[in-house]
C-alpha atoms as a PDB file:
ATOM      1  CA  MET A   1     -10.550  31.291  34.067  1.00  0.00           C
ATOM      2  CA  SER A   2      -7.715  33.814  34.152  1.00  0.00           C
ATOM      3  CA  LYS A   3      -4.080  32.777  36.380  1.00  0.00           C
ATOM      4  CA  LYS A   4      -5.300  36.045  38.683  1.00  0.00           C
ATOM      5  CA  ARG A   5      -8.272  34.635  39.654  1.00  0.00           C
ATOM      6  CA  PHE A   6      -7.285  30.739  40.453  1.00  0.00           C
ATOM      7  CA  LEU A   7      -4.431  32.140  42.475  1.00  0.00           C
ATOM      8  CA  GLN A   8      -7.187  34.250  44.504  1.00  0.00           C
ATOM      9  CA  MET A   9      -9.343  30.892  44.125  1.00  0.00           C
ATOM     10  CA  VAL A  10      -6.709  28.947  45.959  1.00  0.00           C
ATOM     11  CA  LEU A  11      -5.581  31.378  48.653  1.00  0.00           C
ATOM     12  CA  LEU A  12      -9.073  32.108  49.219  1.00  0.00           C
ATOM     13  CA  GLY A  13      -9.353  28.373  49.950  1.00  0.00           C
ATOM     14  CA  ILE A  14      -6.428  27.996  52.243  1.00  0.00           C
ATOM     15  CA  LYS A  15      -8.039  30.681  54.639  1.00  0.00           C
ATOM     16  CA  GLN A  16     -11.281  29.214  54.487  1.00  0.00           C
ATOM     17  CA  PHE A  17      -9.899  25.763  55.330  1.00  0.00           C
ATOM     18  CA  LYS A  18      -8.252  27.494  58.090  1.00  0.00           C
ATOM     19  CA  ASP A  19     -11.943  27.836  60.318  1.00  0.00           C
ATOM     20  CA  PRO A  20     -11.580  24.765  62.966  1.00  0.00           C
ATOM     21  CA  TYR A  21     -15.591  24.522  61.377  1.00  0.00           C
ATOM     22  CA  TYR A  22     -14.033  21.994  58.965  1.00  0.00           C
ATOM     23  CA  GLN A  23     -11.319  20.113  60.754  1.00  0.00           C
ATOM     24  CA  GLY A  24     -14.060  18.014  61.920  1.00  0.00           C
ATOM     25  CA  VAL A  25     -16.655  17.744  59.293  1.00  0.00           C
ATOM     26  CA  ALA A  26     -15.465  14.951  56.734  1.00  0.00           C
ATOM     27  CA  ALA A  27     -14.939  12.610  59.957  1.00  0.00           C
ATOM     28  CA  GLN A  28     -18.990  13.313  60.894  1.00  0.00           C
ATOM     29  CA  LEU A  29     -19.703  12.802  57.657  1.00  0.00           C
ATOM     30  CA  ALA A  30     -18.325   9.640  57.532  1.00  0.00           C
ATOM     31  CA  PHE A  31     -19.925   8.550  60.307  1.00  0.00           C
ATOM     32  CA  TYR A  32     -23.268   9.157  59.459  1.00  0.00           C
ATOM     33  CA  PHE A  33     -23.072   7.312  55.832  1.00  0.00           C
ATOM     34  CA  LEU A  34     -21.832   4.607  58.068  1.00  0.00           C
ATOM     35  CA  LEU A  35     -25.440   4.921  59.755  1.00  0.00           C
ATOM     36  CA  SER A  36     -26.892   5.410  56.996  1.00  0.00           C
ATOM     37  CA  ILE A  37     -26.139   2.721  55.029  1.00  0.00           C
ATOM     38  CA  PHE A  38     -28.988   0.022  56.514  1.00  0.00           C
ATOM     39  CA  PRO A  39     -32.002   2.329  56.414  1.00  0.00           C
ATOM     40  CA  THR A  40     -31.103   3.601  52.733  1.00  0.00           C
ATOM     41  CA  LEU A  41     -30.555  -0.122  51.824  1.00  0.00           C
ATOM     42  CA  ILE A  42     -34.166  -0.850  53.495  1.00  0.00           C
ATOM     43  CA  VAL A  43     -36.222   2.002  51.069  1.00  0.00           C
ATOM     44  CA  LEU A  44     -33.767   1.393  48.445  1.00  0.00           C
ATOM     45  CA  SER A  45     -34.975  -2.526  48.788  1.00  0.00           C
ATOM     46  CA  GLN A  46     -38.281  -1.387  48.852  1.00  0.00           C
ATOM     47  CA  LEU A  47     -37.812   0.934  45.143  1.00  0.00           C
ATOM     48  CA  LEU A  48     -36.026  -2.214  43.218  1.00  0.00           C
ATOM     49  CA  GLY A  49     -38.919  -4.440  44.473  1.00  0.00           C
ATOM     50  CA  LEU A  50     -41.043  -2.718  42.102  1.00  0.00           C
ATOM     51  CA  PHE A  51     -39.654  -3.499  39.354  1.00  0.00           C
ATOM     52  CA  SER A  52     -37.938  -6.982  40.357  1.00  0.00           C
ATOM     53  CA  ILE A  53     -34.609  -6.100  40.541  1.00  0.00           C
ATOM     54  CA  SER A  54     -32.659  -7.712  43.908  1.00  0.00           C
ATOM     55  CA  LEU A  55     -30.389  -6.093  46.012  1.00  0.00           C
ATOM     56  CA  GLU A  56     -27.823  -8.427  45.005  1.00  0.00           C
ATOM     57  CA  VAL A  57     -27.372  -6.162  41.882  1.00  0.00           C
ATOM     58  CA  ILE A  58     -25.606  -3.402  44.181  1.00  0.00           C
ATOM     59  CA  GLY A  59     -23.353  -6.275  45.680  1.00  0.00           C
ATOM     60  CA  GLU A  60     -21.955  -6.621  41.967  1.00  0.00           C
ATOM     61  CA  LEU A  61     -22.019  -3.095  41.363  1.00  0.00           C
ATOM     62  CA  ILE A  62     -19.587  -2.098  43.761  1.00  0.00           C
ATOM     63  CA  ASN A  63     -17.753  -4.980  43.183  1.00  0.00           C
ATOM     64  CA  GLU A  64     -17.010  -3.464  40.217  1.00  0.00           C
ATOM     65  CA  TYR A  65     -15.124  -0.144  41.982  1.00  0.00           C
ATOM     66  CA  VAL A  66     -14.559  -0.744  45.421  1.00  0.00           C
ATOM     67  CA  ASP A  67     -11.675  -2.896  47.247  1.00  0.00           C
ATOM     68  CA  GLU A  68     -12.880  -6.665  48.429  1.00  0.00           C
ATOM     69  CA  ASP A  69     -12.774  -5.496  52.292  1.00  0.00           C
ATOM     70  CA  VAL A  70     -15.393  -3.150  51.163  1.00  0.00           C
ATOM     71  CA  VAL A  71     -17.558  -5.451  49.315  1.00  0.00           C
ATOM     72  CA  GLU A  72     -17.675  -7.471  52.021  1.00  0.00           C
ATOM     73  CA  ILE A  73     -19.041  -5.324  54.616  1.00  0.00           C
ATOM     74  CA  LEU A  74     -21.356  -3.789  52.297  1.00  0.00           C
ATOM     75  CA  LEU A  75     -22.690  -7.672  51.123  1.00  0.00           C
ATOM     76  CA  GLY A  76     -23.380  -8.217  54.823  1.00  0.00           C
ATOM     77  CA  PHE A  77     -25.643  -5.295  55.285  1.00  0.00           C
ATOM     78  CA  ILE A  78     -27.304  -6.232  51.615  1.00  0.00           C
ATOM     79  CA  ASP A  79     -27.679  -9.902  52.910  1.00  0.00           C
ATOM     80  CA  TYR A  80     -29.392  -8.788  56.306  1.00  0.00           C
ATOM     81  CA  SER A  81     -31.733  -6.112  54.705  1.00  0.00           C
ATOM     82  CA  PRO A  82     -35.389  -6.609  55.177  1.00  0.00           C
ATOM     83  CA  THR A  83     -37.387  -8.234  52.396  1.00  0.00           C
ATOM     84  CA  GLY A  84     -40.947  -7.657  51.696  1.00  0.00           C
ATOM     85  CA  ALA A  85     -43.467  -4.678  52.077  1.00  0.00           C
ATOM     86  CA  MET A  86     -43.369  -2.085  54.884  1.00  0.00           C
ATOM     87  CA  ASN A  87     -46.129  -0.573  56.658  1.00  0.00           C
ATOM     88  CA  VAL A  88     -45.694   3.134  55.969  1.00  0.00           C
ATOM     89  CA  SER A  89     -44.785   5.292  58.903  1.00  0.00           C
ATOM     90  CA  PHE A  90     -41.170   2.617  59.121  1.00  0.00           C
ATOM     91  CA  ILE A  91     -40.465   3.503  55.546  1.00  0.00           C
ATOM     92  CA  ILE A  92     -40.749   7.185  57.199  1.00  0.00           C
ATOM     93  CA  VAL A  93     -38.729   6.121  60.081  1.00  0.00           C
ATOM     94  CA  ALA A  94     -35.908   5.010  57.663  1.00  0.00           C
ATOM     95  CA  LEU A  95     -36.256   8.218  55.512  1.00  0.00           C
ATOM     96  CA  TRP A  96     -35.284   9.782  58.558  1.00  0.00           C
ATOM     97  CA  SER A  97     -32.588   7.267  59.551  1.00  0.00           C
ATOM     98  CA  ALA A  98     -31.143   7.409  55.881  1.00  0.00           C
ATOM     99  CA  SER A  99     -30.760  11.084  55.534  1.00  0.00           C
ATOM    100  CA  LYS A 100     -28.311  11.508  58.587  1.00  0.00           C
ATOM    101  CA  VAL A 101     -25.522  12.769  55.444  1.00  0.00           C
ATOM    102  CA  GLN A 102     -28.119  15.150  53.695  1.00  0.00           C
ATOM    103  CA  PHE A 103     -28.504  17.096  56.840  1.00  0.00           C
ATOM    104  CA  SER A 104     -24.720  17.353  58.044  1.00  0.00           C
ATOM    105  CA  LEU A 105     -24.147  18.546  54.475  1.00  0.00           C
ATOM    106  CA  ILE A 106     -27.464  21.063  55.149  1.00  0.00           C
ATOM    107  CA  ARG A 107     -25.194  23.038  58.230  1.00  0.00           C
ATOM    108  CA  ILE A 108     -21.821  22.829  56.247  1.00  0.00           C
ATOM    109  CA  ALA A 109     -23.160  24.260  52.754  1.00  0.00           C
ATOM    110  CA  ASN A 110     -25.305  26.911  55.297  1.00  0.00           C
ATOM    111  CA  TYR A 111     -22.447  27.885  56.915  1.00  0.00           C
ATOM    112  CA  THR A 112     -19.685  28.117  54.048  1.00  0.00           C
ATOM    113  CA  ILE A 113     -22.138  30.045  52.022  1.00  0.00           C
ATOM    114  CA  THR A 114     -23.117  33.044  55.041  1.00  0.00           C
ATOM    115  CA  ASP A 115     -19.329  32.639  55.950  1.00  0.00           C
ATOM    116  CA  GLY A 116     -19.987  30.998  59.435  1.00  0.00           C
ATOM    117  CA  GLN A 117     -23.198  33.088  60.269  1.00  0.00           C
ATOM    118  CA  SER A 118     -26.098  30.467  59.831  1.00  0.00           C
ATOM    119  CA  THR A 119     -26.324  26.645  59.415  1.00  0.00           C
ATOM    120  CA  GLY A 120     -29.609  26.377  58.515  1.00  0.00           C
ATOM    121  CA  GLY A 121     -33.185  27.296  58.645  1.00  0.00           C
ATOM    122  CA  GLY A 122     -34.330  24.657  61.741  1.00  0.00           C
ATOM    123  CA  TYR A 123     -33.831  21.352  62.852  1.00  0.00           C
ATOM    124  CA  PHE A 124     -37.414  20.279  61.618  1.00  0.00           C
ATOM    125  CA  ARG A 125     -37.241  22.291  57.967  1.00  0.00           C
ATOM    126  CA  ASP A 126     -33.812  21.087  57.612  1.00  0.00           C
ATOM    127  CA  ARG A 127     -35.013  17.535  58.653  1.00  0.00           C
ATOM    128  CA  LEU A 128     -37.617  17.300  56.103  1.00  0.00           C
ATOM    129  CA  LYS A 129     -35.221  18.962  53.167  1.00  0.00           C
ATOM    130  CA  ALA A 130     -32.835  16.696  53.686  1.00  0.00           C
ATOM    131  CA  ILE A 131     -35.798  13.377  53.548  1.00  0.00           C
ATOM    132  CA  LYS A 132     -36.747  14.922  50.223  1.00  0.00           C
ATOM    133  CA  THR A 133     -33.086  14.808  49.141  1.00  0.00           C
ATOM    134  CA  ILE A 134     -32.134  11.489  50.370  1.00  0.00           C
ATOM    135  CA  LEU A 135     -35.552  10.485  48.479  1.00  0.00           C
ATOM    136  CA  PHE A 136     -34.369  12.474  45.149  1.00  0.00           C
ATOM    137  CA  THR A 137     -31.006  10.438  45.898  1.00  0.00           C
ATOM    138  CA  LEU A 138     -32.629   7.056  46.161  1.00  0.00           C
ATOM    139  CA  PHE A 139     -34.737   7.626  42.966  1.00  0.00           C
ATOM    140  CA  THR A 140     -31.164   8.438  41.086  1.00  0.00           C
ATOM    141  CA  ILE A 141     -29.269   5.349  42.102  1.00  0.00           C
ATOM    142  CA  THR A 142     -32.846   3.418  41.321  1.00  0.00           C
ATOM    143  CA  PHE A 143     -32.970   4.544  37.961  1.00  0.00           C
ATOM    144  CA  ALA A 144     -29.131   3.870  37.408  1.00  0.00           C
ATOM    145  CA  LEU A 145     -29.772   0.311  39.013  1.00  0.00           C
ATOM    146  CA  ILE A 146     -32.561  -0.121  35.938  1.00  0.00           C
ATOM    147  CA  ILE A 147     -30.253   0.682  33.672  1.00  0.00           C
ATOM    148  CA  LEU A 148     -27.737  -1.905  34.722  1.00  0.00           C
ATOM    149  CA  VAL A 149     -30.455  -4.540  35.042  1.00  0.00           C
ATOM    150  CA  TYR A 150     -32.220  -3.927  31.500  1.00  0.00           C
ATOM    151  CA  GLY A 151     -29.983  -2.110  29.100  1.00  0.00           C
ATOM    152  CA  GLU A 152     -28.656  -5.145  28.820  1.00  0.00           C
ATOM    153  CA  PRO A 153     -31.054  -6.896  27.068  1.00  0.00           C
ATOM    154  CA  ILE A 154     -31.717  -3.647  25.325  1.00  0.00           C
ATOM    155  CA  LEU A 155     -28.856  -2.825  23.688  1.00  0.00           C
ATOM    156  CA  ARG A 156     -28.319  -6.574  23.047  1.00  0.00           C
ATOM    157  CA  LEU A 157     -31.844  -6.458  20.976  1.00  0.00           C
ATOM    158  CA  ALA A 158     -31.185  -3.229  19.528  1.00  0.00           C
ATOM    159  CA  LEU A 159     -27.636  -3.956  18.259  1.00  0.00           C
ATOM    160  CA  SER A 160     -28.824  -7.691  16.355  1.00  0.00           C
ATOM    161  CA  THR A 161     -31.381  -5.486  14.815  1.00  0.00           C
ATOM    162  CA  ILE A 162     -28.851  -3.070  13.303  1.00  0.00           C
ATOM    163  CA  ASP A 163     -26.387  -5.568  12.355  1.00  0.00           C
ATOM    164  CA  ARG A 164     -27.311  -9.420  12.541  1.00  0.00           C
ATOM    165  CA  SER A 165     -23.463  -9.630  11.964  1.00  0.00           C
ATOM    166  CA  LEU A 166     -22.417  -8.103  14.727  1.00  0.00           C
ATOM    167  CA  ASP A 167     -20.886 -10.252  17.804  1.00  0.00           C
ATOM    168  CA  VAL A 168     -24.017  -8.576  19.714  1.00  0.00           C
ATOM    169  CA  VAL A 169     -22.447 -10.559  22.660  1.00  0.00           C
ATOM    170  CA  TYR A 170     -18.811  -8.510  22.664  1.00  0.00           C
ATOM    171  CA  GLU A 171     -19.895  -5.400  21.180  1.00  0.00           C
ATOM    172  CA  ILE A 172     -22.012  -5.221  24.086  1.00  0.00           C
ATOM    173  CA  ASP A 173     -19.224  -6.072  26.662  1.00  0.00           C
ATOM    174  CA  ASN A 174     -16.877  -3.904  25.549  1.00  0.00           C
ATOM    175  CA  LEU A 175     -19.308  -0.673  25.543  1.00  0.00           C
ATOM    176  CA  LEU A 176     -20.417  -1.650  29.100  1.00  0.00           C
ATOM    177  CA  LEU A 177     -16.625  -1.448  30.034  1.00  0.00           C
ATOM    178  CA  LEU A 178     -15.797   1.779  28.051  1.00  0.00           C
ATOM    179  CA  LEU A 179     -19.385   3.271  29.750  1.00  0.00           C
ATOM    180  CA  ARG A 180     -18.243   2.083  33.118  1.00  0.00           C
ATOM    181  CA  TRP A 181     -16.517   5.201  34.458  1.00  0.00           C
ATOM    182  CA  PRO A 182     -18.339   7.728  33.145  1.00  0.00           C
ATOM    183  CA  LEU A 183     -21.610   6.179  34.134  1.00  0.00           C
ATOM    184  CA  ALA A 184     -20.056   6.137  37.931  1.00  0.00           C
ATOM    185  CA  LEU A 185     -18.993   9.899  37.314  1.00  0.00           C
ATOM    186  CA  GLY A 186     -22.688  10.991  35.719  1.00  0.00           C
ATOM    187  CA  LEU A 187     -24.323   9.238  38.594  1.00  0.00           C
ATOM    188  CA  TYR A 188     -21.730  11.253  41.174  1.00  0.00           C
ATOM    189  CA  PHE A 189     -22.728  13.985  39.030  1.00  0.00           C
ATOM    190  CA  ILE A 190     -26.285  14.793  39.518  1.00  0.00           C
ATOM    191  CA  MET A 191     -26.279  13.722  43.243  1.00  0.00           C
ATOM    192  CA  VAL A 192     -24.011  15.854  44.620  1.00  0.00           C
ATOM    193  CA  SER A 193     -25.539  18.473  42.181  1.00  0.00           C
ATOM    194  CA  TYR A 194     -28.984  17.755  43.401  1.00  0.00           C
ATOM    195  CA  ASN A 195     -27.368  18.574  47.061  1.00  0.00           C
ATOM    196  CA  TYR A 196     -25.180  21.234  46.550  1.00  0.00           C
ATOM    197  CA  TYR A 197     -28.623  22.844  44.887  1.00  0.00           C
ATOM    198  CA  ALA A 198     -31.341  21.925  47.169  1.00  0.00           C
ATOM    199  CA  LEU A 199     -29.872  21.309  50.800  1.00  0.00           C
ATOM    200  CA  PRO A 200     -28.353  25.118  51.151  1.00  0.00           C
ATOM    201  CA  SER A 201     -31.306  27.793  53.089  1.00  0.00           C
ATOM    202  CA  GLN A 202     -30.215  30.358  50.876  1.00  0.00           C
ATOM    203  CA  LYS A 203     -31.520  30.309  47.339  1.00  0.00           C
ATOM    204  CA  VAL A 204     -28.521  29.597  44.387  1.00  0.00           C
ATOM    205  CA  LYS A 205     -28.655  29.692  41.310  1.00  0.00           C
ATOM    206  CA  PHE A 206     -28.139  26.062  39.236  1.00  0.00           C
ATOM    207  CA  LYS A 207     -24.836  27.103  37.381  1.00  0.00           C
ATOM    208  CA  GLU A 208     -23.720  28.546  40.505  1.00  0.00           C
ATOM    209  CA  ILE A 209     -23.085  25.144  41.976  1.00  0.00           C
ATOM    210  CA  LEU A 210     -21.911  23.466  38.669  1.00  0.00           C
ATOM    211  CA  PRO A 211     -18.024  24.198  39.559  1.00  0.00           C
ATOM    212  CA  GLY A 212     -18.414  22.347  42.475  1.00  0.00           C
ATOM    213  CA  SER A 213     -20.218  19.598  41.600  1.00  0.00           C
ATOM    214  CA  ILE A 214     -17.684  19.008  38.615  1.00  0.00           C
ATOM    215  CA  PHE A 215     -15.112  19.425  41.243  1.00  0.00           C
ATOM    216  CA  ALA A 216     -16.651  17.058  43.776  1.00  0.00           C
ATOM    217  CA  SER A 217     -18.073  14.154  41.736  1.00  0.00           C
ATOM    218  CA  THR A 218     -14.927  14.258  39.863  1.00  0.00           C
ATOM    219  CA  GLY A 219     -12.819  13.714  43.131  1.00  0.00           C
ATOM    220  CA  MET A 220     -15.410  11.044  44.510  1.00  0.00           C
ATOM    221  CA  LEU A 221     -14.694   9.394  41.287  1.00  0.00           C
ATOM    222  CA  LEU A 222     -11.074   9.481  41.613  1.00  0.00           C
ATOM    223  CA  VAL A 223     -10.655   8.751  45.259  1.00  0.00           C
ATOM    224  CA  THR A 224     -12.949   5.177  44.669  1.00  0.00           C
ATOM    225  CA  VAL A 225     -10.072   4.430  42.241  1.00  0.00           C
ATOM    226  CA  LEU A 226      -6.974   5.259  43.808  1.00  0.00           C
ATOM    227  CA  TYR A 227      -8.542   4.088  47.435  1.00  0.00           C
ATOM    228  CA  SER A 228      -9.271   1.041  45.702  1.00  0.00           C
ATOM    229  CA  THR A 229      -5.978   0.326  44.390  1.00  0.00           C
ATOM    230  CA  TYR A 230      -4.374   1.652  47.499  1.00  0.00           C
ATOM    231  CA  THR A 231      -6.172  -1.335  49.651  1.00  0.00           C
ATOM    232  CA  THR A 232      -5.701  -3.967  47.239  1.00  0.00           C
ATOM    233  CA  TYR A 233      -1.396  -3.368  46.561  1.00  0.00           C
ATOM    234  CA  VAL A 234      -0.123  -1.244  49.373  1.00  0.00           C
ATOM    235  CA  ALA A 235      -2.463  -1.344  52.720  1.00  0.00           C
ATOM    236  CA  ASN A 236      -3.488  -4.057  54.925  1.00  0.00           C
ATOM    237  CA  PHE A 237      -5.897  -3.587  57.593  1.00  0.00           C
ATOM    238  CA  ASP A 238      -5.688  -7.091  58.990  1.00  0.00           C
ATOM    239  CA  ILE A 239      -2.579  -6.559  60.545  1.00  0.00           C
ATOM    240  CA  ILE A 240      -3.433  -3.681  62.001  1.00  0.00           C
ATOM    241  CA  TYR A 241      -6.969  -3.556  62.643  1.00  0.00           C
ATOM    242  CA  GLY A 242      -7.791  -7.527  62.999  1.00  0.00           C
ATOM    243  CA  SER A 243     -11.535  -8.239  63.121  1.00  0.00           C
ATOM    244  CA  LEU A 244     -12.482  -4.553  62.720  1.00  0.00           C
ATOM    245  CA  ALA A 245     -10.482  -4.321  59.499  1.00  0.00           C
ATOM    246  CA  THR A 246     -13.813  -4.540  57.240  1.00  0.00           C
ATOM    247  CA  VAL A 247     -15.370  -1.820  59.136  1.00  0.00           C
ATOM    248  CA  VAL A 248     -11.888   0.563  59.393  1.00  0.00           C
ATOM    249  CA  ALA A 249     -11.535  -0.046  55.116  1.00  0.00           C
ATOM    250  CA  LEU A 250     -15.269   1.039  55.257  1.00  0.00           C
ATOM    251  CA  MET A 251     -14.823   4.268  57.114  1.00  0.00           C
ATOM    252  CA  PHE A 252     -11.568   5.357  55.485  1.00  0.00           C
ATOM    253  CA  TRP A 253     -13.309   5.253  51.988  1.00  0.00           C
ATOM    254  CA  PHE A 254     -16.167   7.688  53.369  1.00  0.00           C
ATOM    255  CA  PHE A 255     -13.772   9.273  54.826  1.00  0.00           C
ATOM    256  CA  PHE A 256     -11.983  10.235  51.521  1.00  0.00           C
ATOM    257  CA  LEU A 257     -15.336  10.552  49.877  1.00  0.00           C
ATOM    258  CA  SER A 258     -16.716  13.187  52.240  1.00  0.00           C
ATOM    259  CA  TRP A 259     -13.901  15.664  51.974  1.00  0.00           C
ATOM    260  CA  ALA A 260     -14.335  15.631  48.482  1.00  0.00           C
ATOM    261  CA  LEU A 261     -18.151  16.973  49.311  1.00  0.00           C
ATOM    262  CA  VAL A 262     -16.711  18.994  51.496  1.00  0.00           C
ATOM    263  CA  LEU A 263     -14.597  20.455  48.997  1.00  0.00           C
ATOM    264  CA  GLY A 264     -17.081  20.559  46.563  1.00  0.00           C
ATOM    265  CA  VAL A 265     -18.846  22.814  48.609  1.00  0.00           C
ATOM    266  CA  LEU A 266     -15.608  25.172  49.220  1.00  0.00           C
ATOM    267  CA  PHE A 267     -14.884  25.128  45.762  1.00  0.00           C
ATOM    268  CA  ASN A 268     -18.231  26.568  44.559  1.00  0.00           C
ATOM    269  CA  LYS A 269     -17.593  29.757  47.999  1.00  0.00           C
ATOM    270  CA  VAL A 270     -14.522  30.614  46.604  1.00  0.00           C
ATOM    271  CA  TYR A 271     -15.449  30.175  42.544  1.00  0.00           C
ATOM    272  CA  LEU A 272     -18.419  32.486  43.295  1.00  0.00           C
ATOM    273  CA  ASP A 273     -16.430  34.664  45.360  1.00  0.00           C
ATOM    274  CA  THR A 274     -13.914  35.573  42.290  1.00  0.00           C
ATOM    275  CA  ARG A 275     -16.046  35.985  39.811  1.00  0.00           C
ATOM    276  CA  ASP A 276     -15.474  39.732  39.293  1.00  0.00           C
ATOM    277  CA  ILE A 277     -11.836  39.133  38.849  1.00  0.00           C
END
């Protein structure tokens, strides 16, 4: 990328960002993230149940990346998620509720791509598209959790078969520690890429959404790392928000993640608009 193009992208991005439409979208997405947690866990519990995996695995995974206050409230959602088989109609309602973030992203992506001319292809059409996208997201998370749960014993067996002199437990622990952040980045990238590709009403080539996907997924990972560090060593939400501290901590995390998603959409727009430079 040339210096001239980069400068032009920055200028176009600032101009686009001045649009009043974008001033509240991150807060809107953060709110929908919060509303989507419980129905998402309901559906996810059913998918994981097919592989005899408990939702407690999610708590252990979250604990690796997020501040203790955020973990506490998310584990509360997990503890109260229903178990057992559910009827199809209930699952559909849960998916409808869980797809609020995707539905909002449809409007943001369409508004950006069309320069404010359109926000979607109709309420019910976009709702169905949002449900399809949240399903893909849930299957991606399920696949990642399957690897997390069953990957360790498979690695242990493979390494012990290759070389019995290895300290298998030590090697696996080091390998999993080394792969933790790359795997998290990969998971973010897959989910973000599919959302950016599938949600706009105007068809876009997959390669055209890759720059924004890389930008957003990297941004989401950095947000998670920096925010976790900040809340652990600097912030003290209890002083100001009291019993609401955990909810506020969660909302702040969602807010910054939402900005990463929105900026990724804007990045794709300015990247395409400057491709001839």
